[in-house]
């Protein structure tokens, strides 16, 4: 009779995610991942026969699914652009723990690798969702596209600055400034 899993899949993915966010894909060793999960390496391999790449892929899939539901969907739906943006900003704030967590797209996309296309698609989806919101708020299409790109740059830049400076202030400032960029 098989032993029950001591760690559910959601908790395991969350723990692995923290390691990848902290040290990136290439910096994450199997030992670090096993320690974070509270499992032996053999147990990790049993749950992820594809090794570190499969772990990272599942972490990325889980993160992108959550982001799509809690950030992209509010931006893309119909309704008042201001309300949609503020709902998305709550999602962004939660997803990045107020600016304390690094962006998986950034840490996985540092080098050409197995996740490059998915990261590019995710960034394009974010820019497109921001552009739709800006257009719905009355910006002409070309301007909405530029505003959307600036908004994505503000988000990603604030995460890099917050991490590099050891303060969440740049992220908090970005949350305050995004409405001015997208709703003007």
N, C-alpha and C. Protein backbone atom coordinates (compact mmCIF):
# COMPACT_ATOMS: atom_id res chain seq x y z
N UNK A 1 0.84 -1.18 0.00
CA UNK A 1 0.00 0.00 0.00
C UNK A 1 0.89 1.25 0.00
N UNK A 2 0.60 2.17 -0.89
CA UNK A 2 1.40 3.38 -1.02
C UNK A 2 1.13 4.33 0.14
N UNK A 3 2.21 4.97 0.59
CA UNK A 3 2.05 5.98 1.65
C UNK A 3 1.38 7.22 1.07
N UNK A 4 0.53 7.87 1.85
CA UNK A 4 -0.07 9.12 1.36
C UNK A 4 1.00 10.20 1.25
N UNK A 5 0.81 11.12 0.32
CA UNK A 5 1.74 12.22 0.17
C UNK A 5 1.68 13.11 1.40
N UNK A 6 2.87 13.47 1.90
CA UNK A 6 2.92 14.29 3.11
C UNK A 6 2.74 15.78 2.80
N UNK A 7 2.79 16.12 1.52
CA UNK A 7 2.71 17.52 1.12
C UNK A 7 1.81 17.60 -0.10
N UNK A 8 0.73 18.40 -0.02
CA UNK A 8 -0.16 18.48 -1.17
C UNK A 8 0.50 19.26 -2.30
N UNK A 9 -0.02 19.06 -3.50
CA UNK A 9 0.60 19.64 -4.69
C UNK A 9 0.67 21.16 -4.65
N UNK A 10 -0.38 21.81 -4.18
CA UNK A 10 -0.38 23.28 -4.13
C UNK A 10 0.71 23.81 -3.21
N UNK A 11 0.86 23.20 -2.05
CA UNK A 11 1.89 23.64 -1.10
C UNK A 11 3.28 23.35 -1.67
N UNK A 12 3.43 22.22 -2.32
CA UNK A 12 4.72 21.87 -2.92
C UNK A 12 5.10 22.89 -3.99
N UNK A 13 4.17 23.22 -4.86
CA UNK A 13 4.44 24.19 -5.93
C UNK A 13 4.79 25.55 -5.32
N UNK A 14 4.09 25.95 -4.27
CA UNK A 14 4.38 27.23 -3.60
C UNK A 14 5.79 27.24 -3.04
N UNK A 15 6.19 26.17 -2.40
CA UNK A 15 7.54 26.10 -1.82
C UNK A 15 8.61 26.12 -2.91
N UNK A 16 8.38 25.38 -3.98
CA UNK A 16 9.34 25.38 -5.09
C UNK A 16 9.40 26.77 -5.73
N UNK A 17 8.25 27.41 -5.84
CA UNK A 17 8.18 28.75 -6.43
C UNK A 17 9.06 29.73 -5.67
N UNK A 18 9.05 29.65 -4.36
CA UNK A 18 9.86 30.56 -3.55
C UNK A 18 11.34 30.41 -3.86
N UNK A 19 11.79 29.19 -4.07
CA UNK A 19 13.20 28.96 -4.41
C UNK A 19 13.51 29.56 -5.77
N UNK A 20 12.68 29.25 -6.76
CA UNK A 20 12.93 29.78 -8.10
C UNK A 20 12.89 31.30 -8.12
N UNK A 21 11.97 31.91 -7.39
CA UNK A 21 11.90 33.37 -7.34
C UNK A 21 13.16 33.96 -6.69
N UNK A 22 13.70 33.24 -5.72
CA UNK A 22 14.86 33.76 -4.99
C UNK A 22 16.16 33.62 -5.77
N UNK A 23 16.38 32.47 -6.41
CA UNK A 23 17.69 32.23 -7.03
C UNK A 23 17.62 31.98 -8.53
N UNK A 24 16.42 31.96 -9.09
CA UNK A 24 16.29 31.72 -10.53
C UNK A 24 16.35 30.25 -10.88
N UNK A 25 16.15 29.98 -12.17
CA UNK A 25 16.14 28.59 -12.64
C UNK A 25 17.53 27.98 -12.55
N UNK A 26 18.52 28.66 -13.07
CA UNK A 26 19.86 28.08 -13.09
C UNK A 26 20.46 28.01 -11.69
N UNK A 27 20.09 28.92 -10.80
CA UNK A 27 20.64 28.91 -9.45
C UNK A 27 20.00 27.90 -8.52
N UNK A 28 18.84 27.39 -8.89
CA UNK A 28 18.12 26.45 -8.02
C UNK A 28 18.70 25.04 -8.18
N UNK A 29 19.30 24.55 -7.12
CA UNK A 29 19.82 23.17 -7.15
C UNK A 29 18.73 22.22 -6.65
N UNK A 30 18.87 20.96 -6.99
CA UNK A 30 17.91 19.97 -6.49
C UNK A 30 17.94 19.90 -4.97
N UNK A 31 19.11 20.10 -4.38
CA UNK A 31 19.21 20.11 -2.93
C UNK A 31 18.41 21.25 -2.32
N UNK A 32 18.52 22.43 -2.92
CA UNK A 32 17.75 23.59 -2.43
C UNK A 32 16.25 23.34 -2.57
N UNK A 33 15.86 22.79 -3.70
CA UNK A 33 14.44 22.52 -3.95
C UNK A 33 13.91 21.47 -2.98
N UNK A 34 14.70 20.42 -2.75
CA UNK A 34 14.29 19.37 -1.81
C UNK A 34 14.18 19.93 -0.39
N UNK A 35 15.16 20.74 0.01
CA UNK A 35 15.12 21.33 1.35
C UNK A 35 13.87 22.20 1.52
N UNK A 36 13.59 23.04 0.53
CA UNK A 36 12.42 23.93 0.61
C UNK A 36 11.13 23.13 0.67
N UNK A 37 11.09 22.02 -0.04
CA UNK A 37 9.89 21.19 -0.07
C UNK A 37 9.77 20.32 1.18
N UNK A 38 10.89 20.15 1.89
CA UNK A 38 10.89 19.26 3.04
C UNK A 38 10.84 17.80 2.62
N UNK A 39 11.38 17.52 1.44
CA UNK A 39 11.37 16.17 0.89
C UNK A 39 12.79 15.73 0.55
N UNK A 40 12.97 14.44 0.42
CA UNK A 40 14.23 13.91 -0.09
C UNK A 40 14.26 14.11 -1.60
N UNK A 41 15.47 14.15 -2.16
CA UNK A 41 15.60 14.30 -3.61
C UNK A 41 14.84 13.20 -4.35
N UNK A 42 14.91 11.98 -3.83
CA UNK A 42 14.22 10.86 -4.47
C UNK A 42 12.71 11.09 -4.51
N UNK A 43 12.18 11.67 -3.45
CA UNK A 43 10.74 11.97 -3.42
C UNK A 43 10.38 13.04 -4.45
N UNK A 44 11.27 14.02 -4.60
CA UNK A 44 11.03 15.04 -5.63
C UNK A 44 11.04 14.41 -7.01
N UNK A 45 12.02 13.54 -7.27
CA UNK A 45 12.08 12.89 -8.58
C UNK A 45 10.87 12.00 -8.81
N UNK A 46 10.36 11.40 -7.74
CA UNK A 46 9.16 10.57 -7.89
C UNK A 46 7.97 11.44 -8.34
N UNK A 47 7.86 12.62 -7.77
CA UNK A 47 6.74 13.51 -8.11
C UNK A 47 6.99 14.29 -9.39
N UNK A 48 8.26 14.48 -9.72
CA UNK A 48 8.64 15.22 -10.93
C UNK A 48 9.70 14.43 -11.69
N UNK A 49 9.29 13.39 -12.43
CA UNK A 49 10.28 12.57 -13.13
C UNK A 49 11.10 13.36 -14.15
N UNK A 50 10.58 14.49 -14.59
CA UNK A 50 11.31 15.35 -15.53
C UNK A 50 12.32 16.25 -14.85
N UNK A 51 12.50 16.10 -13.54
CA UNK A 51 13.51 16.85 -12.82
C UNK A 51 13.18 18.32 -12.65
N UNK A 52 14.24 19.10 -12.54
CA UNK A 52 14.11 20.53 -12.26
C UNK A 52 13.30 21.25 -13.34
N UNK A 53 13.48 20.86 -14.59
CA UNK A 53 12.73 21.53 -15.66
C UNK A 53 11.23 21.31 -15.49
N UNK A 54 10.82 20.11 -15.13
CA UNK A 54 9.40 19.85 -14.91
C UNK A 54 8.88 20.64 -13.70
N UNK A 55 9.69 20.69 -12.64
CA UNK A 55 9.28 21.47 -11.46
C UNK A 55 9.07 22.93 -11.85
N UNK A 56 10.05 23.49 -12.53
CA UNK A 56 9.96 24.89 -12.94
C UNK A 56 8.78 25.12 -13.87
N UNK A 57 8.55 24.18 -14.78
CA UNK A 57 7.42 24.29 -15.69
C UNK A 57 6.09 24.32 -14.96
N UNK A 58 5.96 23.47 -13.95
CA UNK A 58 4.71 23.45 -13.18
C UNK A 58 4.56 24.70 -12.33
N UNK A 59 5.65 25.19 -11.78
CA UNK A 59 5.62 26.44 -11.03
C UNK A 59 5.16 27.57 -11.95
N UNK A 60 5.75 27.63 -13.14
CA UNK A 60 5.39 28.68 -14.10
C UNK A 60 3.94 28.55 -14.54
N UNK A 61 3.49 27.33 -14.85
CA UNK A 61 2.09 27.12 -15.25
C UNK A 61 1.13 27.59 -14.17
N UNK A 62 1.41 27.22 -12.94
CA UNK A 62 0.55 27.60 -11.82
C UNK A 62 0.50 29.12 -11.66
N UNK A 63 1.67 29.74 -11.75
CA UNK A 63 1.74 31.20 -11.62
C UNK A 63 1.00 31.90 -12.76
N UNK A 64 1.21 31.43 -13.98
CA UNK A 64 0.56 32.06 -15.13
C UNK A 64 -0.96 31.87 -15.09
N UNK A 65 -1.42 30.71 -14.64
CA UNK A 65 -2.86 30.48 -14.50
C UNK A 65 -3.46 31.44 -13.47
N UNK A 66 -2.80 31.59 -12.33
CA UNK A 66 -3.29 32.49 -11.29
C UNK A 66 -3.29 33.92 -11.80
N UNK A 67 -2.22 34.33 -12.46
CA UNK A 67 -2.10 35.69 -12.98
C UNK A 67 -3.19 35.96 -14.02
N UNK A 68 -3.45 34.99 -14.89
CA UNK A 68 -4.49 35.16 -15.91
C UNK A 68 -5.85 35.37 -15.26
N UNK A 69 -6.14 34.61 -14.24
CA UNK A 69 -7.44 34.69 -13.57
C UNK A 69 -7.60 35.98 -12.77
N UNK A 70 -6.56 36.39 -12.08
CA UNK A 70 -6.67 37.49 -11.12
C UNK A 70 -6.16 38.84 -11.60
N UNK A 71 -5.46 38.86 -12.73
CA UNK A 71 -4.95 40.12 -13.28
C UNK A 71 -5.44 40.33 -14.71
N UNK A 72 -5.17 39.39 -15.59
CA UNK A 72 -5.55 39.58 -16.99
C UNK A 72 -7.05 39.60 -17.19
N UNK A 73 -7.76 38.68 -16.56
CA UNK A 73 -9.21 38.62 -16.74
C UNK A 73 -9.90 39.93 -16.34
N UNK A 74 -9.59 40.51 -15.18
CA UNK A 74 -10.21 41.79 -14.86
C UNK A 74 -9.86 42.89 -15.87
N UNK A 75 -8.63 42.90 -16.36
CA UNK A 75 -8.25 43.92 -17.33
C UNK A 75 -9.01 43.77 -18.64
N UNK A 76 -9.30 42.54 -19.04
CA UNK A 76 -9.89 42.25 -20.35
C UNK A 76 -11.41 42.28 -20.37
N UNK A 77 -12.04 42.11 -19.24
CA UNK A 77 -13.51 42.02 -19.24
C UNK A 77 -14.13 43.38 -19.54
N UNK A 78 -15.42 43.37 -19.74
CA UNK A 78 -16.16 44.61 -19.99
C UNK A 78 -16.45 45.28 -18.64
N UNK A 79 -16.81 46.54 -18.70
CA UNK A 79 -17.16 47.27 -17.49
C UNK A 79 -16.29 48.50 -17.31
N UNK A 80 -16.48 49.15 -16.20
CA UNK A 80 -15.76 50.39 -15.91
C UNK A 80 -14.26 50.14 -15.85
N UNK A 81 -13.46 50.84 -16.69
CA UNK A 81 -12.01 50.61 -16.72
C UNK A 81 -11.34 50.86 -15.36
N UNK A 82 -11.80 51.86 -14.63
CA UNK A 82 -11.19 52.15 -13.33
C UNK A 82 -11.39 50.97 -12.37
N UNK A 83 -12.60 50.45 -12.30
CA UNK A 83 -12.88 49.31 -11.42
C UNK A 83 -12.08 48.09 -11.84
N UNK A 84 -12.00 47.86 -13.14
CA UNK A 84 -11.24 46.71 -13.66
C UNK A 84 -9.77 46.84 -13.29
N UNK A 85 -9.22 48.05 -13.45
CA UNK A 85 -7.80 48.25 -13.14
C UNK A 85 -7.55 48.04 -11.65
N UNK A 86 -8.39 48.57 -10.81
CA UNK A 86 -8.16 48.43 -9.38
C UNK A 86 -8.27 46.97 -8.94
N UNK A 87 -9.15 46.20 -9.56
CA UNK A 87 -9.22 44.77 -9.27
C UNK A 87 -7.92 44.09 -9.71
N UNK A 88 -7.43 44.44 -10.88
CA UNK A 88 -6.17 43.87 -11.38
C UNK A 88 -5.00 44.28 -10.49
N UNK A 89 -4.99 45.53 -10.01
CA UNK A 89 -3.91 45.98 -9.14
C UNK A 89 -3.89 45.22 -7.82
N UNK A 90 -5.07 44.86 -7.31
CA UNK A 90 -5.11 44.02 -6.11
C UNK A 90 -4.48 42.66 -6.40
N UNK A 91 -4.76 42.12 -7.59
CA UNK A 91 -4.15 40.86 -7.98
C UNK A 91 -2.64 40.98 -8.11
N UNK A 92 -2.18 42.05 -8.75
CA UNK A 92 -0.74 42.28 -8.92
C UNK A 92 -0.06 42.41 -7.55
N UNK A 93 -0.67 43.18 -6.67
CA UNK A 93 -0.12 43.37 -5.33
C UNK A 93 0.00 42.04 -4.59
N UNK A 94 -1.04 41.23 -4.67
CA UNK A 94 -1.01 39.93 -4.01
C UNK A 94 -0.01 38.98 -4.65
N UNK A 95 0.03 38.96 -5.96
CA UNK A 95 0.91 38.05 -6.70
C UNK A 95 2.38 38.29 -6.35
N UNK A 96 2.74 39.55 -6.21
CA UNK A 96 4.13 39.90 -5.92
C UNK A 96 4.37 40.21 -4.45
N UNK A 97 3.41 39.86 -3.59
CA UNK A 97 3.53 40.07 -2.14
C UNK A 97 3.98 41.49 -1.82
N UNK A 98 3.28 42.45 -2.44
CA UNK A 98 3.59 43.85 -2.17
C UNK A 98 4.94 44.30 -2.69
N UNK A 99 5.50 43.56 -3.64
CA UNK A 99 6.80 43.90 -4.20
C UNK A 99 7.95 43.13 -3.57
N UNK A 100 7.63 42.25 -2.63
CA UNK A 100 8.68 41.47 -1.96
C UNK A 100 9.14 40.27 -2.78
N UNK A 101 8.29 39.80 -3.69
CA UNK A 101 8.64 38.62 -4.50
C UNK A 101 9.15 39.03 -5.87
N UNK A 102 10.18 38.34 -6.31
CA UNK A 102 10.70 38.57 -7.66
C UNK A 102 9.72 38.00 -8.68
N UNK A 103 9.81 38.50 -9.89
CA UNK A 103 8.95 38.05 -10.97
C UNK A 103 9.52 36.78 -11.58
N UNK A 104 8.71 35.72 -11.63
CA UNK A 104 9.15 34.47 -12.25
C UNK A 104 9.50 34.66 -13.72
N UNK A 105 8.78 35.54 -14.41
CA UNK A 105 9.08 35.78 -15.82
C UNK A 105 10.49 36.34 -15.96
N UNK A 106 10.89 37.16 -15.03
CA UNK A 106 12.23 37.74 -15.05
C UNK A 106 13.28 36.69 -14.72
N UNK A 107 13.07 35.93 -13.64
CA UNK A 107 14.10 34.97 -13.23
C UNK A 107 14.18 33.76 -14.17
N UNK A 108 13.08 33.37 -14.79
CA UNK A 108 13.13 32.27 -15.75
C UNK A 108 13.56 32.74 -17.13
N UNK A 109 13.38 34.01 -17.41
CA UNK A 109 13.67 34.52 -18.74
C UNK A 109 15.03 35.16 -18.88
N UNK A 110 15.87 35.02 -17.85
CA UNK A 110 17.18 35.67 -17.89
C UNK A 110 18.04 35.13 -19.03
N UNK A 111 17.87 33.88 -19.37
CA UNK A 111 18.63 33.26 -20.46
C UNK A 111 17.66 32.60 -21.43
N UNK A 112 18.11 32.37 -22.66
CA UNK A 112 17.33 31.57 -23.61
C UNK A 112 17.19 30.19 -22.98
N UNK A 113 16.01 29.68 -22.97
CA UNK A 113 15.82 28.38 -22.34
C UNK A 113 14.48 27.79 -22.66
N UNK A 114 14.11 26.78 -21.89
CA UNK A 114 12.88 26.04 -22.17
C UNK A 114 11.60 26.85 -21.96
N UNK A 115 11.70 27.99 -21.29
CA UNK A 115 10.50 28.76 -20.97
C UNK A 115 10.40 30.07 -21.75
N UNK A 116 11.34 30.31 -22.64
CA UNK A 116 11.43 31.59 -23.34
C UNK A 116 10.14 31.95 -24.07
N UNK A 117 9.58 31.03 -24.83
CA UNK A 117 8.37 31.32 -25.60
C UNK A 117 7.18 31.59 -24.68
N UNK A 118 7.04 30.81 -23.61
CA UNK A 118 5.93 31.03 -22.68
C UNK A 118 6.04 32.38 -21.97
N UNK A 119 7.26 32.77 -21.66
CA UNK A 119 7.47 34.06 -21.01
C UNK A 119 7.13 35.19 -21.97
N UNK A 120 7.57 35.07 -23.21
CA UNK A 120 7.24 36.08 -24.22
C UNK A 120 5.73 36.19 -24.40
N UNK A 121 5.06 35.04 -24.48
CA UNK A 121 3.60 35.04 -24.62
C UNK A 121 2.92 35.70 -23.42
N UNK A 122 3.42 35.42 -22.21
CA UNK A 122 2.82 36.00 -21.00
C UNK A 122 3.00 37.51 -20.97
N UNK A 123 4.17 37.99 -21.35
CA UNK A 123 4.40 39.44 -21.38
C UNK A 123 3.54 40.10 -22.45
N UNK A 124 3.42 39.46 -23.61
CA UNK A 124 2.55 40.00 -24.66
C UNK A 124 1.09 40.03 -24.21
N UNK A 125 0.66 39.01 -23.47
CA UNK A 125 -0.72 38.98 -22.97
C UNK A 125 -0.95 40.12 -21.97
N UNK A 126 0.03 40.39 -21.12
CA UNK A 126 -0.10 41.49 -20.16
C UNK A 126 -0.19 42.82 -20.89
N UNK A 127 0.68 43.03 -21.87
CA UNK A 127 0.66 44.29 -22.63
C UNK A 127 -0.66 44.44 -23.37
N UNK A 128 -1.15 43.35 -23.97
CA UNK A 128 -2.43 43.41 -24.69
C UNK A 128 -3.58 43.73 -23.74
N UNK A 129 -3.56 43.15 -22.55
CA UNK A 129 -4.63 43.42 -21.57
C UNK A 129 -4.58 44.87 -21.09
N UNK A 130 -3.37 45.37 -20.84
CA UNK A 130 -3.23 46.79 -20.47
C UNK A 130 -3.71 47.69 -21.61
N UNK A 131 -3.38 47.32 -22.86
CA UNK A 131 -3.78 48.14 -24.02
C UNK A 131 -5.30 48.16 -24.17
N UNK A 132 -5.95 47.01 -23.97
CA UNK A 132 -7.41 46.97 -24.06
C UNK A 132 -8.02 47.89 -23.01
N UNK A 133 -7.50 47.81 -21.80
CA UNK A 133 -8.02 48.66 -20.73
C UNK A 133 -7.84 50.14 -21.07
N UNK A 134 -6.64 50.50 -21.54
CA UNK A 134 -6.38 51.91 -21.88
C UNK A 134 -7.29 52.37 -23.02
N UNK A 135 -7.51 51.52 -24.01
CA UNK A 135 -8.41 51.87 -25.12
C UNK A 135 -9.84 52.01 -24.60
N UNK A 136 -10.26 51.10 -23.72
CA UNK A 136 -11.60 51.19 -23.15
C UNK A 136 -11.76 52.45 -22.30
N UNK A 137 -10.64 52.97 -21.78
CA UNK A 137 -10.68 54.20 -20.99
C UNK A 137 -10.65 55.44 -21.88
N UNK A 138 -10.58 55.23 -23.21
CA UNK A 138 -10.67 56.35 -24.13
C UNK A 138 -9.40 56.72 -24.86
N UNK A 139 -8.32 56.01 -24.63
CA UNK A 139 -7.09 56.33 -25.35
C UNK A 139 -7.18 55.81 -26.79
N UNK A 140 -6.68 56.56 -27.77
CA UNK A 140 -6.60 56.04 -29.14
C UNK A 140 -5.71 54.79 -29.16
N UNK A 141 -5.94 53.91 -30.11
CA UNK A 141 -5.27 52.60 -30.15
C UNK A 141 -3.75 52.70 -30.06
N UNK A 142 -3.15 53.58 -30.86
CA UNK A 142 -1.68 53.68 -30.85
C UNK A 142 -1.17 54.13 -29.48
N UNK A 143 -1.83 55.12 -28.93
CA UNK A 143 -1.43 55.62 -27.61
C UNK A 143 -1.67 54.56 -26.54
N UNK A 144 -2.78 53.83 -26.64
CA UNK A 144 -3.07 52.76 -25.68
C UNK A 144 -1.97 51.71 -25.70
N UNK A 145 -1.48 51.38 -26.89
CA UNK A 145 -0.39 50.41 -27.00
C UNK A 145 0.88 50.89 -26.32
N UNK A 146 1.21 52.16 -26.52
CA UNK A 146 2.41 52.73 -25.86
C UNK A 146 2.21 52.79 -24.34
N UNK A 147 1.04 53.18 -23.92
CA UNK A 147 0.75 53.23 -22.47
C UNK A 147 0.86 51.84 -21.86
N UNK A 148 0.36 50.85 -22.58
CA UNK A 148 0.41 49.48 -22.08
C UNK A 148 1.85 49.00 -21.94
N UNK A 149 2.67 49.31 -22.93
CA UNK A 149 4.08 48.91 -22.85
C UNK A 149 4.77 49.62 -21.69
N UNK A 150 4.50 50.90 -21.51
CA UNK A 150 5.07 51.63 -20.37
C UNK A 150 4.59 51.04 -19.04
N UNK A 151 3.32 50.66 -18.98
CA UNK A 151 2.78 50.08 -17.75
C UNK A 151 3.49 48.77 -17.41
N UNK A 152 3.71 47.92 -18.42
CA UNK A 152 4.43 46.66 -18.18
C UNK A 152 5.86 46.94 -17.76
N UNK A 153 6.47 47.95 -18.37
CA UNK A 153 7.84 48.34 -18.00
C UNK A 153 7.88 48.86 -16.57
N UNK A 154 6.89 49.66 -16.20
CA UNK A 154 6.81 50.17 -14.83
C UNK A 154 6.70 49.02 -13.83
N UNK A 155 5.86 48.04 -14.14
CA UNK A 155 5.67 46.89 -13.26
C UNK A 155 6.98 46.12 -13.11
N UNK A 156 7.56 45.72 -14.23
CA UNK A 156 8.79 44.92 -14.17
C UNK A 156 9.94 45.71 -13.54
N UNK A 157 10.06 46.97 -13.92
CA UNK A 157 11.12 47.80 -13.35
C UNK A 157 10.98 47.99 -11.85
N UNK A 158 9.75 48.14 -11.39
CA UNK A 158 9.53 48.33 -9.96
C UNK A 158 9.93 47.09 -9.17
N UNK A 159 9.72 45.93 -9.76
CA UNK A 159 10.12 44.69 -9.09
C UNK A 159 11.63 44.57 -9.01
N UNK A 160 12.32 44.92 -10.09
CA UNK A 160 13.79 44.89 -10.09
C UNK A 160 14.34 45.88 -9.06
N UNK A 161 13.81 47.11 -9.07
CA UNK A 161 14.28 48.12 -8.11
C UNK A 161 13.97 47.71 -6.67
N UNK A 162 12.78 47.21 -6.43
CA UNK A 162 12.41 46.81 -5.07
C UNK A 162 13.36 45.74 -4.55
N UNK A 163 13.65 44.79 -5.40
CA UNK A 163 14.55 43.70 -5.00
C UNK A 163 15.98 44.23 -4.82
N UNK A 164 16.44 45.02 -5.77
CA UNK A 164 17.81 45.53 -5.71
C UNK A 164 18.06 46.50 -4.57
N UNK A 165 17.06 47.32 -4.26
CA UNK A 165 17.21 48.31 -3.19
C UNK A 165 16.80 47.78 -1.82
N UNK A 166 16.16 46.61 -1.81
CA UNK A 166 15.73 46.04 -0.54
C UNK A 166 14.58 46.78 0.10
N UNK A 167 13.74 47.40 -0.73
CA UNK A 167 12.57 48.12 -0.22
C UNK A 167 11.42 47.94 -1.21
N UNK A 168 10.22 47.94 -0.70
CA UNK A 168 9.04 47.76 -1.55
C UNK A 168 8.50 49.10 -2.06
N UNK A 169 9.15 50.18 -1.74
CA UNK A 169 8.69 51.50 -2.14
C UNK A 169 8.52 51.65 -3.65
N UNK A 170 9.49 51.22 -4.48
CA UNK A 170 9.27 51.37 -5.93
C UNK A 170 8.01 50.63 -6.42
N UNK A 171 7.75 49.47 -5.86
CA UNK A 171 6.56 48.70 -6.25
C UNK A 171 5.30 49.44 -5.81
N UNK A 172 5.29 49.93 -4.59
CA UNK A 172 4.13 50.68 -4.08
C UNK A 172 3.88 51.92 -4.94
N UNK A 173 4.95 52.62 -5.31
CA UNK A 173 4.80 53.80 -6.16
C UNK A 173 4.23 53.43 -7.52
N UNK A 174 4.66 52.30 -8.07
CA UNK A 174 4.13 51.85 -9.36
C UNK A 174 2.63 51.60 -9.26
N UNK A 175 2.18 50.99 -8.17
CA UNK A 175 0.74 50.74 -8.00
C UNK A 175 -0.04 52.05 -8.02
N UNK A 176 0.54 53.09 -7.47
CA UNK A 176 -0.13 54.40 -7.46
C UNK A 176 -0.09 55.08 -8.82
N UNK A 177 0.97 54.85 -9.58
CA UNK A 177 1.16 55.53 -10.87
C UNK A 177 0.47 54.84 -12.04
N UNK A 178 0.28 53.53 -11.98
CA UNK A 178 -0.33 52.82 -13.12
C UNK A 178 -1.67 53.40 -13.54
N UNK A 179 -2.56 53.76 -12.62
CA UNK A 179 -3.83 54.35 -13.08
C UNK A 179 -3.63 55.62 -13.90
N UNK A 180 -2.65 56.44 -13.52
CA UNK A 180 -2.40 57.66 -14.29
C UNK A 180 -1.90 57.34 -15.69
N UNK A 181 -1.17 56.26 -15.83
CA UNK A 181 -0.64 55.87 -17.14
C UNK A 181 -1.74 55.30 -18.03
N UNK A 182 -2.59 54.47 -17.47
CA UNK A 182 -3.55 53.72 -18.29
C UNK A 182 -4.92 54.39 -18.41
N UNK A 183 -5.28 55.23 -17.47
CA UNK A 183 -6.62 55.82 -17.48
C UNK A 183 -6.64 57.27 -17.92
N UNK A 184 -5.51 57.81 -18.36
CA UNK A 184 -5.46 59.23 -18.76
C UNK A 184 -6.02 59.44 -20.14
